[in-house]
C-alpha atoms as a PDB file:
ATOM      1  CA  MET A   1      -1.447 -10.243   3.621  1.00  0.00           C
ATOM      2  CA  ILE A   2       0.667 -11.671   0.817  1.00  0.00           C
ATOM      3  CA  GLU A   3       3.912 -10.090  -0.404  1.00  0.00           C
ATOM      4  CA  HIS A   4       2.216  -8.607  -3.474  1.00  0.00           C
ATOM      5  CA  ASP A   5      -0.367  -6.837  -1.298  1.00  0.00           C
ATOM      6  CA  LEU A   6       2.464  -5.324   0.743  1.00  0.00           C
ATOM      7  CA  LYS A   7       4.117  -4.066  -2.457  1.00  0.00           C
ATOM      8  CA  VAL A   8       0.863  -2.430  -3.564  1.00  0.00           C
ATOM      9  CA  LEU A   9       0.442  -0.845  -0.127  1.00  0.00           C
ATOM     10  CA  ARG A  10       4.003   0.494  -0.359  1.00  0.00           C
ATOM     11  CA  SER A  11       3.212   1.857  -3.811  1.00  0.00           C
ATOM     12  CA  ILE A  12       0.135   3.784  -2.694  1.00  0.00           C
ATOM     13  CA  ALA A  13       2.162   5.050   0.265  1.00  0.00           C
ATOM     14  CA  GLY A  14       4.486   6.667  -2.264  1.00  0.00           C
ATOM     15  CA  ASP A  15       7.255   4.145  -2.974  1.00  0.00           C
ATOM     16  CA  PRO A  16       7.857   4.496  -6.738  1.00  0.00           C
ATOM     17  CA  ASP A  17       9.860   1.255  -6.917  1.00  0.00           C
ATOM     18  CA  ALA A  18       7.407  -1.047  -5.124  1.00  0.00           C
ATOM     19  CA  ILE A  19       5.677  -2.389  -8.275  1.00  0.00           C
ATOM     20  CA  ASP A  20       6.388  -2.340 -11.999  1.00  0.00           C
ATOM     21  CA  GLY A  21       2.955  -1.289 -13.230  1.00  0.00           C
ATOM     22  CA  TRP A  22      -0.768  -1.316 -12.591  1.00  0.00           C
ATOM     23  CA  GLY A  23      -2.457  -4.445 -13.932  1.00  0.00           C
ATOM     24  CA  ALA A  24      -5.170  -6.886 -12.926  1.00  0.00           C
ATOM     25  CA  ALA A  25      -3.152  -8.331 -10.038  1.00  0.00           C
ATOM     26  CA  VAL A  26      -2.610  -4.858  -8.617  1.00  0.00           C
ATOM     27  CA  GLY A  27      -6.324  -4.146  -8.895  1.00  0.00           C
ATOM     28  CA  ALA A  28      -7.108  -7.330  -6.977  1.00  0.00           C
ATOM     29  CA  SER A  29      -4.608  -6.435  -4.253  1.00  0.00           C
ATOM     30  CA  LEU A  30      -5.973  -2.909  -4.047  1.00  0.00           C
ATOM     31  CA  GLY A  31      -9.487  -4.299  -3.637  1.00  0.00           C
ATOM     32  CA  TYR A  32      -8.263  -6.473  -0.781  1.00  0.00           C
ATOM     33  CA  LEU A  33      -6.417  -3.568   0.863  1.00  0.00           C
ATOM     34  CA  GLN A  34      -9.450  -1.290   0.618  1.00  0.00           C
ATOM     35  CA  GLY A  35     -11.896  -3.939   1.778  1.00  0.00           C
ATOM     36  CA  SER A  36      -9.694  -4.834   4.748  1.00  0.00           C
ATOM     37  CA  GLY A  37      -9.247  -1.230   5.823  1.00  0.00           C
ATOM     38  CA  TYR A  38      -5.565  -0.851   4.900  1.00  0.00           C
ATOM     39  CA  ALA A  39      -6.253   1.743   2.191  1.00  0.00           C
ATOM     40  CA  THR A  40      -8.842   4.402   1.503  1.00  0.00           C
ATOM     41  CA  ARG A  41     -11.339   4.015  -1.317  1.00  0.00           C
ATOM     42  CA  GLY A  42     -11.484   6.370  -4.266  1.00  0.00           C
ATOM     43  CA  MET A  43      -9.458   7.529  -7.236  1.00  0.00           C
ATOM     44  CA  ARG A  44      -6.317   8.244  -5.178  1.00  0.00           C
ATOM     45  CA  PRO A  45      -6.116   5.586  -2.483  1.00  0.00           C
ATOM     46  CA  GLU A  46      -3.856   6.233   0.476  1.00  0.00           C
ATOM     47  CA  PRO A  47      -2.908   4.053   3.415  1.00  0.00           C
ATOM     48  CA  THR A  48      -5.202   4.360   6.422  1.00  0.00           C
ATOM     49  CA  GLU A  49      -3.783   4.408   9.949  1.00  0.00           C
ATOM     50  CA  LYS A  50      -4.121   0.616   9.867  1.00  0.00           C
ATOM     51  CA  GLY A  51      -2.099   0.592   6.631  1.00  0.00           C
ATOM     52  CA  TRP A  52       0.618   2.891   7.974  1.00  0.00           C
ATOM     53  CA  ASN A  53       0.861   0.782  11.140  1.00  0.00           C
ATOM     54  CA  TYR A  54       1.202  -2.398   9.075  1.00  0.00           C
ATOM     55  CA  LEU A  55       3.976  -0.863   6.983  1.00  0.00           C
ATOM     56  CA  ARG A  56       5.811   0.206  10.137  1.00  0.00           C
ATOM     57  CA  ASP A  57       5.380  -3.267  11.674  1.00  0.00           C
ATOM     58  CA  GLN A  58       6.878  -4.783   8.502  1.00  0.00           C
ATOM     59  CA  GLY A  59       9.981  -2.618   8.874  1.00  0.00           C
ATOM     60  CA  VAL A  60       9.134  -0.147   6.102  1.00  0.00           C
ATOM     61  CA  ASP A  61      10.426   3.349   6.894  1.00  0.00           C
ATOM     62  CA  ILE A  62       7.375   5.584   7.189  1.00  0.00           C
ATOM     63  CA  SER A  63       9.114   8.529   8.834  1.00  0.00           C
ATOM     64  CA  ASN A  64       8.276  10.628   5.776  1.00  0.00           C
ATOM     65  CA  ARG A  65       4.674   9.621   5.055  1.00  0.00           C
ATOM     66  CA  GLY A  66       3.989   9.825   1.370  1.00  0.00           C
ATOM     67  CA  TYR A  67       7.251   8.132   0.442  1.00  0.00           C
ATOM     68  CA  CYS A  68       8.594   4.825   1.672  1.00  0.00           C
ATOM     69  CA  PRO A  69      12.163   4.121   0.560  1.00  0.00           C
END
């Protein structure tokens, strides 16, 4: 996973400061995250257990799921 994918995963986990906006690059990262099982599919993607575990392994505080400071 590249750094940008991690930022998008943090954003869908609830971190409002992870990315600046939703553009084509974010869409590509989201497609990767969904296809790889890190995020759910649909209109409001959320991290899957695999996604939450990856965030935790990267040192992102997930103690309050839904927001990652």
